[in-house]
């Protein structure tokens, strides 16, 4: 780099001191809940937001705190990151293969933005809830068929005399079937 370019990049010490004073004054005006997220960069005189990793001039701090959408989301949900923990929300959401900032819903086969608000909107949406209900119903019917089949097999073995099973075992299978059916009915009512 030439000397003229280096001179334009360097900040005048007097200007830096005034910026640092402005930054200190701007931080003093903020409430404690906002103040904890900002630090003063000593080299540039700018304020650094620890939630969003933004550097901003001291005069823009009030507008940033009151109007910036990313800052509001980061403050509401902890630290801002494009990859928030989606695993707790749904077993159907997986990272998209090509679009790293997106998620893929295996249930609805939709691409969802990896933001908390978008994921929650998708999970609470009518289409997802309908598909979730259909998937649940299919799993319950599959379990019910499996139990009915096991009971039929055991009844045939008892009738053929292949095994001598106490009636308690058969009753246990029937109770399992009733519990599955009862649980299914209770979940429908919720």
C-alpha atoms as a PDB file:
ATOM      1  CA  UNK A   1       0.000   0.000   0.000  1.00  0.00           C
ATOM      2  CA  UNK A   2       1.155   3.490  -0.658  1.00  0.00           C
ATOM      3  CA  UNK A   3       1.584   6.063   2.081  1.00  0.00           C
ATOM      4  CA  UNK A   4      -1.459   8.047   0.985  1.00  0.00           C
ATOM      5  CA  UNK A   5      -3.711   4.975   1.272  1.00  0.00           C
ATOM      6  CA  UNK A   6      -2.387   4.204   4.754  1.00  0.00           C
ATOM      7  CA  UNK A   7      -2.976   7.783   5.818  1.00  0.00           C
ATOM      8  CA  UNK A   8      -6.608   7.689   4.710  1.00  0.00           C
ATOM      9  CA  UNK A   9      -7.219   4.432   6.631  1.00  0.00           C
ATOM     10  CA  UNK A  10      -5.704   5.771   9.866  1.00  0.00           C
ATOM     11  CA  UNK A  11      -8.053   7.647  12.151  1.00  0.00           C
ATOM     12  CA  UNK A  12      -7.018  11.045  13.430  1.00  0.00           C
ATOM     13  CA  UNK A  13      -6.259  10.750  17.208  1.00  0.00           C
ATOM     14  CA  UNK A  14      -8.417  13.768  18.033  1.00  0.00           C
ATOM     15  CA  UNK A  15     -11.304  12.349  16.037  1.00  0.00           C
ATOM     16  CA  UNK A  16     -10.829   8.949  17.715  1.00  0.00           C
ATOM     17  CA  UNK A  17     -10.909  10.549  21.168  1.00  0.00           C
ATOM     18  CA  UNK A  18     -14.140  12.385  20.358  1.00  0.00           C
ATOM     19  CA  UNK A  19     -15.667   9.147  19.013  1.00  0.00           C
ATOM     20  CA  UNK A  20     -14.671   7.301  22.180  1.00  0.00           C
ATOM     21  CA  UNK A  21     -16.256  10.050  24.279  1.00  0.00           C
ATOM     22  CA  UNK A  22     -19.439   9.837  22.169  1.00  0.00           C
ATOM     23  CA  UNK A  23     -19.480   6.047  22.527  1.00  0.00           C
ATOM     24  CA  UNK A  24     -19.092   6.260  26.299  1.00  0.00           C
ATOM     25  CA  UNK A  25     -21.887   8.842  26.493  1.00  0.00           C
ATOM     26  CA  UNK A  26     -24.145   6.751  24.232  1.00  0.00           C
ATOM     27  CA  UNK A  27     -23.583   3.653  26.389  1.00  0.00           C
ATOM     28  CA  UNK A  28     -24.341   5.646  29.540  1.00  0.00           C
ATOM     29  CA  UNK A  29     -27.758   6.582  28.132  1.00  0.00           C
ATOM     30  CA  UNK A  30     -28.733   2.943  27.480  1.00  0.00           C
ATOM     31  CA  UNK A  31     -30.581   0.835  30.014  1.00  0.00           C
ATOM     32  CA  UNK A  32     -28.772  -2.078  31.662  1.00  0.00           C
ATOM     33  CA  UNK A  33     -30.554  -4.690  29.555  1.00  0.00           C
ATOM     34  CA  UNK A  34     -29.069  -3.163  26.370  1.00  0.00           C
ATOM     35  CA  UNK A  35     -25.763  -1.949  27.786  1.00  0.00           C
ATOM     36  CA  UNK A  36     -24.501  -5.449  28.551  1.00  0.00           C
ATOM     37  CA  UNK A  37     -24.517  -6.359  24.832  1.00  0.00           C
ATOM     38  CA  UNK A  38     -22.259  -3.500  23.679  1.00  0.00           C
ATOM     39  CA  UNK A  39     -18.545  -2.870  24.016  1.00  0.00           C
ATOM     40  CA  UNK A  40     -16.418   0.003  22.757  1.00  0.00           C
ATOM     41  CA  UNK A  41     -13.807  -0.800  20.120  1.00  0.00           C
ATOM     42  CA  UNK A  42     -10.777   1.237  21.212  1.00  0.00           C
ATOM     43  CA  UNK A  43      -9.149   1.261  17.758  1.00  0.00           C
ATOM     44  CA  UNK A  44     -12.091   2.532  15.745  1.00  0.00           C
ATOM     45  CA  UNK A  45     -14.229   4.284  18.344  1.00  0.00           C
ATOM     46  CA  UNK A  46     -17.255   2.248  17.289  1.00  0.00           C
ATOM     47  CA  UNK A  47     -19.613   0.198  19.411  1.00  0.00           C
ATOM     48  CA  UNK A  48     -19.576  -3.580  18.957  1.00  0.00           C
ATOM     49  CA  UNK A  49     -22.771  -5.565  19.542  1.00  0.00           C
ATOM     50  CA  UNK A  50     -21.975  -8.985  21.034  1.00  0.00           C
ATOM     51  CA  UNK A  51     -25.345 -10.430  19.970  1.00  0.00           C
ATOM     52  CA  UNK A  52     -25.201  -9.674  16.263  1.00  0.00           C
ATOM     53  CA  UNK A  53     -21.472  -8.939  15.830  1.00  0.00           C
ATOM     54  CA  UNK A  54     -22.236  -5.543  14.271  1.00  0.00           C
ATOM     55  CA  UNK A  55     -19.957  -2.522  14.622  1.00  0.00           C
ATOM     56  CA  UNK A  56     -21.798   0.776  14.559  1.00  0.00           C
ATOM     57  CA  UNK A  57     -21.011   4.440  15.125  1.00  0.00           C
ATOM     58  CA  UNK A  58     -22.107   5.877  18.488  1.00  0.00           C
ATOM     59  CA  UNK A  59     -24.697   8.227  16.941  1.00  0.00           C
ATOM     60  CA  UNK A  60     -26.571   5.234  15.425  1.00  0.00           C
ATOM     61  CA  UNK A  61     -26.874   3.316  18.697  1.00  0.00           C
ATOM     62  CA  UNK A  62     -30.334   4.580  19.696  1.00  0.00           C
ATOM     63  CA  UNK A  63     -31.814   3.775  16.274  1.00  0.00           C
ATOM     64  CA  UNK A  64     -30.119   0.372  16.256  1.00  0.00           C
ATOM     65  CA  UNK A  65     -31.499  -0.627  19.658  1.00  0.00           C
ATOM     66  CA  UNK A  66     -35.016   0.591  18.927  1.00  0.00           C
ATOM     67  CA  UNK A  67     -35.439  -0.415  15.303  1.00  0.00           C
ATOM     68  CA  UNK A  68     -33.070  -3.175  14.152  1.00  0.00           C
ATOM     69  CA  UNK A  69     -34.936  -6.454  13.571  1.00  0.00           C
ATOM     70  CA  UNK A  70     -31.870  -8.684  13.955  1.00  0.00           C
ATOM     71  CA  UNK A  71     -30.991  -7.071  17.270  1.00  0.00           C
ATOM     72  CA  UNK A  72     -34.544  -7.517  18.579  1.00  0.00           C
ATOM     73  CA  UNK A  73     -34.600 -11.194  17.586  1.00  0.00           C
ATOM     74  CA  UNK A  74     -31.161 -11.784  19.050  1.00  0.00           C
ATOM     75  CA  UNK A  75     -32.135 -10.112  22.287  1.00  0.00           C
ATOM     76  CA  UNK A  76     -35.354 -12.128  22.530  1.00  0.00           C
ATOM     77  CA  UNK A  77     -33.745 -15.481  21.779  1.00  0.00           C
ATOM     78  CA  UNK A  78     -30.244 -15.104  23.225  1.00  0.00           C
ATOM     79  CA  UNK A  79     -27.344 -14.749  20.846  1.00  0.00           C
ATOM     80  CA  UNK A  80     -28.101 -14.348  17.173  1.00  0.00           C
ATOM     81  CA  UNK A  81     -26.977 -17.138  14.918  1.00  0.00           C
ATOM     82  CA  UNK A  82     -28.182 -18.417  11.605  1.00  0.00           C
ATOM     83  CA  UNK A  83     -28.062 -21.974  12.862  1.00  0.00           C
ATOM     84  CA  UNK A  84     -30.338 -22.133  15.869  1.00  0.00           C
ATOM     85  CA  UNK A  85     -31.088 -25.510  17.460  1.00  0.00           C
ATOM     86  CA  UNK A  86     -33.955 -26.901  15.397  1.00  0.00           C
ATOM     87  CA  UNK A  87     -33.630 -30.479  16.731  1.00  0.00           C
ATOM     88  CA  UNK A  88     -35.652 -29.716  19.830  1.00  0.00           C
ATOM     89  CA  UNK A  89     -38.571 -28.587  17.678  1.00  0.00           C
ATOM     90  CA  UNK A  90     -39.083 -31.411  15.271  1.00  0.00           C
ATOM     91  CA  UNK A  91     -37.602 -34.728  14.269  1.00  0.00           C
ATOM     92  CA  UNK A  92     -38.636 -34.031  10.688  1.00  0.00           C
ATOM     93  CA  UNK A  93     -36.359 -31.028  10.130  1.00  0.00           C
ATOM     94  CA  UNK A  94     -32.898 -31.778   8.742  1.00  0.00           C
ATOM     95  CA  UNK A  95     -30.226 -29.494   7.261  1.00  0.00           C
ATOM     96  CA  UNK A  96     -30.728 -28.869   3.556  1.00  0.00           C
ATOM     97  CA  UNK A  97     -28.103 -30.587   1.420  1.00  0.00           C
ATOM     98  CA  UNK A  98     -27.251 -27.680  -0.885  1.00  0.00           C
ATOM     99  CA  UNK A  99     -28.581 -24.611   0.909  1.00  0.00           C
ATOM    100  CA  UNK A 100     -26.641 -24.527   4.163  1.00  0.00           C
ATOM    101  CA  UNK A 101     -28.705 -21.740   5.719  1.00  0.00           C
ATOM    102  CA  UNK A 102     -31.977 -23.625   5.142  1.00  0.00           C
ATOM    103  CA  UNK A 103     -33.722 -26.654   6.642  1.00  0.00           C
ATOM    104  CA  UNK A 104     -35.656 -29.371   4.853  1.00  0.00           C
ATOM    105  CA  UNK A 105     -38.872 -30.730   6.327  1.00  0.00           C
ATOM    106  CA  UNK A 106     -39.109 -34.449   5.581  1.00  0.00           C
ATOM    107  CA  UNK A 107     -42.785 -34.531   6.432  1.00  0.00           C
ATOM    108  CA  UNK A 108     -44.070 -31.763   4.158  1.00  0.00           C
ATOM    109  CA  UNK A 109     -41.051 -31.767   1.819  1.00  0.00           C
ATOM    110  CA  UNK A 110     -40.703 -28.002   2.215  1.00  0.00           C
ATOM    111  CA  UNK A 111     -37.581 -25.878   2.465  1.00  0.00           C
ATOM    112  CA  UNK A 112     -37.686 -23.741   5.613  1.00  0.00           C
ATOM    113  CA  UNK A 113     -35.482 -20.795   6.535  1.00  0.00           C
ATOM    114  CA  UNK A 114     -33.260 -21.532   9.540  1.00  0.00           C
ATOM    115  CA  UNK A 115     -34.639 -18.695  11.668  1.00  0.00           C
ATOM    116  CA  UNK A 116     -36.510 -19.414  14.866  1.00  0.00           C
ATOM    117  CA  UNK A 117     -39.580 -17.447  13.771  1.00  0.00           C
ATOM    118  CA  UNK A 118     -39.762 -19.201  10.380  1.00  0.00           C
ATOM    119  CA  UNK A 119     -39.305 -22.661  11.894  1.00  0.00           C
ATOM    120  CA  UNK A 120     -41.973 -22.036  14.519  1.00  0.00           C
ATOM    121  CA  UNK A 121     -44.314 -20.659  11.859  1.00  0.00           C
ATOM    122  CA  UNK A 122     -43.777 -23.833   9.816  1.00  0.00           C
ATOM    123  CA  UNK A 123     -44.248 -26.162  12.796  1.00  0.00           C
ATOM    124  CA  UNK A 124     -47.465 -24.416  13.856  1.00  0.00           C
ATOM    125  CA  UNK A 125     -48.813 -24.192  10.320  1.00  0.00           C
ATOM    126  CA  UNK A 126     -51.915 -26.003   9.148  1.00  0.00           C
ATOM    127  CA  UNK A 127     -50.145 -28.062   6.491  1.00  0.00           C
ATOM    128  CA  UNK A 128     -47.474 -29.355   8.879  1.00  0.00           C
ATOM    129  CA  UNK A 129     -50.034 -30.125  11.588  1.00  0.00           C
ATOM    130  CA  UNK A 130     -52.206 -32.050   9.111  1.00  0.00           C
ATOM    131  CA  UNK A 131     -49.260 -34.095   7.862  1.00  0.00           C
ATOM    132  CA  UNK A 132     -48.148 -34.708  11.447  1.00  0.00           C
ATOM    133  CA  UNK A 133     -51.628 -35.974  12.342  1.00  0.00           C
ATOM    134  CA  UNK A 134     -51.675 -38.287   9.311  1.00  0.00           C
ATOM    135  CA  UNK A 135     -48.210 -39.628  10.149  1.00  0.00           C
ATOM    136  CA  UNK A 136     -49.191 -40.235  13.766  1.00  0.00           C
ATOM    137  CA  UNK A 137     -52.409 -41.977  12.724  1.00  0.00           C
ATOM    138  CA  UNK A 138     -50.460 -44.237  10.343  1.00  0.00           C
ATOM    139  CA  UNK A 139     -48.011 -45.208  13.111  1.00  0.00           C
ATOM    140  CA  UNK A 140     -50.819 -45.970  15.582  1.00  0.00           C
ATOM    141  CA  UNK A 141     -52.658 -48.130  13.032  1.00  0.00           C
ATOM    142  CA  UNK A 142     -49.434 -49.968  12.220  1.00  0.00           C
ATOM    143  CA  UNK A 143     -48.826 -50.686  15.911  1.00  0.00           C
ATOM    144  CA  UNK A 144     -52.420 -51.792  16.370  1.00  0.00           C
ATOM    145  CA  UNK A 145     -52.194 -54.184  13.387  1.00  0.00           C
ATOM    146  CA  UNK A 146     -48.953 -55.604  14.746  1.00  0.00           C
ATOM    147  CA  UNK A 147     -50.511 -56.297  18.151  1.00  0.00           C
ATOM    148  CA  UNK A 148     -53.635 -57.847  16.598  1.00  0.00           C
ATOM    149  CA  UNK A 149     -51.423 -60.080  14.446  1.00  0.00           C
ATOM    150  CA  UNK A 150     -49.382 -61.199  17.475  1.00  0.00           C
ATOM    151  CA  UNK A 151     -52.581 -62.036  19.367  1.00  0.00           C
ATOM    152  CA  UNK A 152     -53.907 -64.093  16.417  1.00  0.00           C
ATOM    153  CA  UNK A 153     -50.644 -66.038  16.193  1.00  0.00           C
ATOM    154  CA  UNK A 154     -50.658 -66.789  19.920  1.00  0.00           C
ATOM    155  CA  UNK A 155     -54.329 -67.884  19.795  1.00  0.00           C
ATOM    156  CA  UNK A 156     -53.517 -70.254  16.896  1.00  0.00           C
ATOM    157  CA  UNK A 157     -50.569 -71.724  18.774  1.00  0.00           C
ATOM    158  CA  UNK A 158     -52.706 -72.245  21.865  1.00  0.00           C
ATOM    159  CA  UNK A 159     -55.507 -73.848  19.806  1.00  0.00           C
ATOM    160  CA  UNK A 160     -53.051 -76.145  18.029  1.00  0.00           C
ATOM    161  CA  UNK A 161     -51.546 -77.179  21.350  1.00  0.00           C
ATOM    162  CA  UNK A 162     -48.041 -76.125  20.322  1.00  0.00           C
ATOM    163  CA  UNK A 163     -47.603 -74.080  23.425  1.00  0.00           C
ATOM    164  CA  UNK A 164     -49.336 -73.849  26.696  1.00  0.00           C
ATOM    165  CA  UNK A 165     -49.585 -70.217  27.547  1.00  0.00           C
ATOM    166  CA  UNK A 166     -51.187 -68.879  30.607  1.00  0.00           C
ATOM    167  CA  UNK A 167     -54.176 -66.760  30.002  1.00  0.00           C
ATOM    168  CA  UNK A 168     -52.292 -63.872  31.646  1.00  0.00           C
ATOM    169  CA  UNK A 169     -49.953 -63.566  28.648  1.00  0.00           C
ATOM    170  CA  UNK A 170     -52.860 -63.348  26.239  1.00  0.00           C
ATOM    171  CA  UNK A 171     -54.633 -60.862  28.498  1.00  0.00           C
ATOM    172  CA  UNK A 172     -51.462 -58.793  28.602  1.00  0.00           C
ATOM    173  CA  UNK A 173     -51.425 -58.557  24.782  1.00  0.00           C
ATOM    174  CA  UNK A 174     -55.115 -57.620  24.750  1.00  0.00           C
ATOM    175  CA  UNK A 175     -54.469 -54.927  27.381  1.00  0.00           C
ATOM    176  CA  UNK A 176     -51.643 -53.523  25.237  1.00  0.00           C
ATOM    177  CA  UNK A 177     -54.047 -53.322  22.308  1.00  0.00           C
ATOM    178  CA  UNK A 178     -56.653 -51.543  24.442  1.00  0.00           C
ATOM    179  CA  UNK A 179     -54.057 -49.072  25.747  1.00  0.00           C
ATOM    180  CA  UNK A 180     -52.913 -48.241  22.222  1.00  0.00           C
ATOM    181  CA  UNK A 181     -56.503 -47.709  21.129  1.00  0.00           C
ATOM    182  CA  UNK A 182     -57.379 -45.740  24.287  1.00  0.00           C
ATOM    183  CA  UNK A 183     -54.309 -43.510  23.906  1.00  0.00           C
ATOM    184  CA  UNK A 184     -55.193 -42.895  20.285  1.00  0.00           C
ATOM    185  CA  UNK A 185     -58.713 -41.811  21.231  1.00  0.00           C
ATOM    186  CA  UNK A 186     -57.446 -39.548  24.024  1.00  0.00           C
ATOM    187  CA  UNK A 187     -54.956 -37.864  21.703  1.00  0.00           C
ATOM    188  CA  UNK A 188     -57.696 -37.255  19.168  1.00  0.00           C
ATOM    189  CA  UNK A 189     -59.791 -35.470  21.780  1.00  0.00           C
ATOM    190  CA  UNK A 190     -56.919 -33.117  22.689  1.00  0.00           C
END
